[in-house]
């Protein structure tokens, strides 16, 4: 049986933050999971941005279930996928909720009008997720090259690098 493998490249500090920023912002949407220690609740969320400290920002309704979940347990997990580029990132962190107008202004975009009545809507909150750790996988090679390598390994039974790279993220 073939074995396609990826070299490991664990990142920490500013390198980990840059990887989070690059991969999460490119993907744009994640599964935002709350209550991760008990009865996990997951829902798709649009990322508004990542700051220089590796904090991720999301707009949310103050009355939403996710806000209630975060208030009772701030531990969250984020799962980003960019299938078109074979890029994936998983992040564990602590979430906080605020209605800081400066942050809402900074991370507001017109897409949010689908859920809110403009950026002055009193129901808008911003969820900040402080990244703690994570894991990533991305292709280094062209997708066609990476897929060809995996197919070759599967057909021939040989061990080969799959064209990707992966590693732990320690912020």
Protein backbone atom coordinates (compact mmCIF):
# COMPACT_ATOMS: atom_id res chain seq x y z
CA UNK A 1 0.00 0.00 0.00
CA UNK A 2 1.31 3.48 -0.88
CA UNK A 3 2.39 5.98 1.69
CA UNK A 4 2.18 9.66 0.79
CA UNK A 5 3.74 11.76 3.53
CA UNK A 6 4.36 15.43 4.27
CA UNK A 7 7.43 16.93 5.86
CA UNK A 8 6.88 18.52 9.28
CA UNK A 9 7.54 22.20 9.90
CA UNK A 10 6.38 23.26 13.36
CA UNK A 11 6.07 27.03 13.80
CA UNK A 12 5.95 29.28 16.85
CA UNK A 13 5.71 32.96 17.69
CA UNK A 14 5.65 35.36 14.75
CA UNK A 15 6.01 32.55 12.19
CA UNK A 16 2.93 30.80 13.62
CA UNK A 17 0.98 34.08 13.64
CA UNK A 18 1.90 34.77 10.00
CA UNK A 19 0.81 31.25 8.98
CA UNK A 20 -2.52 31.72 10.78
CA UNK A 21 -3.01 35.07 9.06
CA UNK A 22 -2.10 33.74 5.61
CA UNK A 23 -4.15 30.54 5.69
CA UNK A 24 -7.19 31.73 7.68
CA UNK A 25 -7.64 34.96 5.71
CA UNK A 26 -7.29 33.10 2.40
CA UNK A 27 -9.93 30.55 3.45
CA UNK A 28 -12.18 33.31 4.80
CA UNK A 29 -14.76 31.04 6.43
CA UNK A 30 -14.45 28.45 9.16
CA UNK A 31 -16.42 26.14 11.35
CA UNK A 32 -16.53 28.00 14.66
CA UNK A 33 -16.94 25.45 17.43
CA UNK A 34 -18.03 26.26 20.99
CA UNK A 35 -18.66 24.09 24.05
CA UNK A 36 -15.69 22.00 22.91
CA UNK A 37 -15.26 20.34 26.32
CA UNK A 38 -18.80 18.98 26.49
CA UNK A 39 -21.42 19.12 23.74
CA UNK A 40 -19.70 20.78 20.78
CA UNK A 41 -21.72 23.26 18.74
CA UNK A 42 -20.30 24.19 15.33
CA UNK A 43 -21.45 26.68 12.76
CA UNK A 44 -19.93 28.40 9.73
CA UNK A 45 -18.56 31.89 10.41
CA UNK A 46 -16.97 34.50 8.16
CA UNK A 47 -13.61 35.70 9.38
CA UNK A 48 -13.28 39.48 9.45
CA UNK A 49 -9.53 39.55 9.95
CA UNK A 50 -6.43 38.49 11.87
CA UNK A 51 -4.31 41.02 13.75
CA UNK A 52 -0.55 41.11 14.32
CA UNK A 53 -0.91 39.08 17.55
CA UNK A 54 -2.75 36.18 15.91
CA UNK A 55 -6.19 37.21 17.23
CA UNK A 56 -9.05 36.35 14.89
CA UNK A 57 -12.15 38.56 14.66
CA UNK A 58 -15.76 37.67 13.85
CA UNK A 59 -18.97 39.72 13.86
CA UNK A 60 -21.84 38.14 15.78
CA UNK A 61 -25.29 38.94 17.11
CA UNK A 62 -25.27 39.65 20.86
CA UNK A 63 -28.29 37.35 21.26
CA UNK A 64 -26.86 34.42 19.29
CA UNK A 65 -26.33 30.94 20.70
CA UNK A 66 -22.61 31.19 19.95
CA UNK A 67 -22.33 34.31 22.11
CA UNK A 68 -24.15 32.50 24.92
CA UNK A 69 -21.81 29.53 24.49
CA UNK A 70 -18.72 31.77 24.61
CA UNK A 71 -19.98 33.51 27.74
CA UNK A 72 -20.35 30.18 29.54
CA UNK A 73 -17.09 28.67 28.21
CA UNK A 74 -14.60 30.77 26.22
CA UNK A 75 -12.70 27.76 24.78
CA UNK A 76 -13.27 27.54 21.03
CA UNK A 77 -11.92 25.64 18.05
CA UNK A 78 -11.78 26.97 14.50
CA UNK A 79 -11.54 24.77 11.40
CA UNK A 80 -10.58 26.56 8.16
CA UNK A 81 -10.42 24.86 4.74
CA UNK A 82 -9.35 26.17 1.37
CA UNK A 83 -9.95 23.09 -0.75
CA UNK A 84 -8.98 24.80 -3.99
CA UNK A 85 -5.40 25.18 -2.71
CA UNK A 86 -5.32 22.19 -0.33
CA UNK A 87 -4.77 24.47 2.66
CA UNK A 88 -6.18 23.62 6.07
CA UNK A 89 -5.73 25.12 9.51
CA UNK A 90 -7.10 24.21 12.93
CA UNK A 91 -6.89 26.70 15.80
CA UNK A 92 -7.64 26.39 19.51
CA UNK A 93 -8.16 29.59 21.44
CA UNK A 94 -10.07 31.64 23.96
CA UNK A 95 -12.91 33.86 22.81
CA UNK A 96 -14.07 37.17 24.24
CA UNK A 97 -17.06 39.25 23.22
CA UNK A 98 -17.28 43.02 23.07
CA UNK A 99 -19.23 45.78 21.40
CA UNK A 100 -16.15 47.96 20.91
CA UNK A 101 -17.19 50.42 18.16
CA UNK A 102 -13.58 50.88 17.00
CA UNK A 103 -13.17 47.15 16.40
CA UNK A 104 -16.58 46.90 14.73
CA UNK A 105 -15.63 49.80 12.42
CA UNK A 106 -12.26 48.21 11.68
CA UNK A 107 -13.66 44.79 10.80
CA UNK A 108 -16.99 45.81 9.24
CA UNK A 109 -17.67 44.99 5.59
CA UNK A 110 -20.75 45.28 3.40
CA UNK A 111 -21.33 41.52 3.51
CA UNK A 112 -22.30 41.93 7.18
CA UNK A 113 -25.36 43.93 6.10
CA UNK A 114 -27.03 40.58 5.39
CA UNK A 115 -27.18 39.98 9.16
CA UNK A 116 -27.22 43.48 10.63
CA UNK A 117 -28.87 46.84 9.97
CA UNK A 118 -25.59 48.63 9.33
CA UNK A 119 -22.57 48.86 11.58
CA UNK A 120 -24.49 50.89 14.19
CA UNK A 121 -26.96 48.05 14.80
CA UNK A 122 -27.15 47.63 18.62
CA UNK A 123 -27.10 43.84 18.24
CA UNK A 124 -23.60 43.68 16.74
CA UNK A 125 -20.81 42.25 18.81
CA UNK A 126 -17.31 41.32 17.88
CA UNK A 127 -15.82 38.03 18.96
CA UNK A 128 -12.06 38.01 19.37
CA UNK A 129 -10.41 34.61 19.44
CA UNK A 130 -6.94 34.69 20.99
CA UNK A 131 -5.01 31.89 19.25
CA UNK A 132 -3.21 29.51 21.57
CA UNK A 133 -2.21 26.58 19.38
CA UNK A 134 -3.11 24.87 16.18
CA UNK A 135 -2.11 22.70 13.26
CA UNK A 136 -1.82 23.38 9.55
CA UNK A 137 -1.40 21.57 6.25
CA UNK A 138 -0.71 23.22 2.91
CA UNK A 139 0.59 22.16 -0.48
CA UNK A 140 4.00 23.45 -1.51
CA UNK A 141 3.63 22.19 -5.04
CA UNK A 142 1.10 22.96 -7.71
CA UNK A 143 -2.13 21.09 -6.92
CA UNK A 144 -1.83 18.95 -10.04
CA UNK A 145 1.74 17.97 -9.06
CA UNK A 146 0.63 17.19 -5.50
CA UNK A 147 -2.31 15.06 -6.73
CA UNK A 148 -0.03 13.25 -9.19
CA UNK A 149 2.39 12.41 -6.36
CA UNK A 150 -0.44 11.02 -4.22
CA UNK A 151 -1.83 8.99 -7.14
CA UNK A 152 1.65 7.62 -7.89
CA UNK A 153 2.06 6.54 -4.25
CA UNK A 154 -1.38 4.92 -4.26
CA UNK A 155 -0.82 3.01 -7.52
CA UNK A 156 2.80 1.93 -7.00
CA UNK A 157 2.73 1.37 -3.25
CA UNK A 158 5.84 3.50 -2.90
CA UNK A 159 6.55 6.01 -0.18
CA UNK A 160 6.66 9.55 -1.51
CA UNK A 161 6.18 13.10 -0.28
CA UNK A 162 2.68 14.28 -1.14
CA UNK A 163 3.75 17.81 -2.09
CA UNK A 164 2.53 19.26 1.17
CA UNK A 165 3.94 20.51 4.41
CA UNK A 166 2.35 20.43 7.84
CA UNK A 167 3.08 21.26 11.42
CA UNK A 168 2.05 22.48 14.84
CA UNK A 169 1.39 26.13 15.54
CA UNK A 170 2.36 27.54 18.93
CA UNK A 171 1.44 31.19 19.28
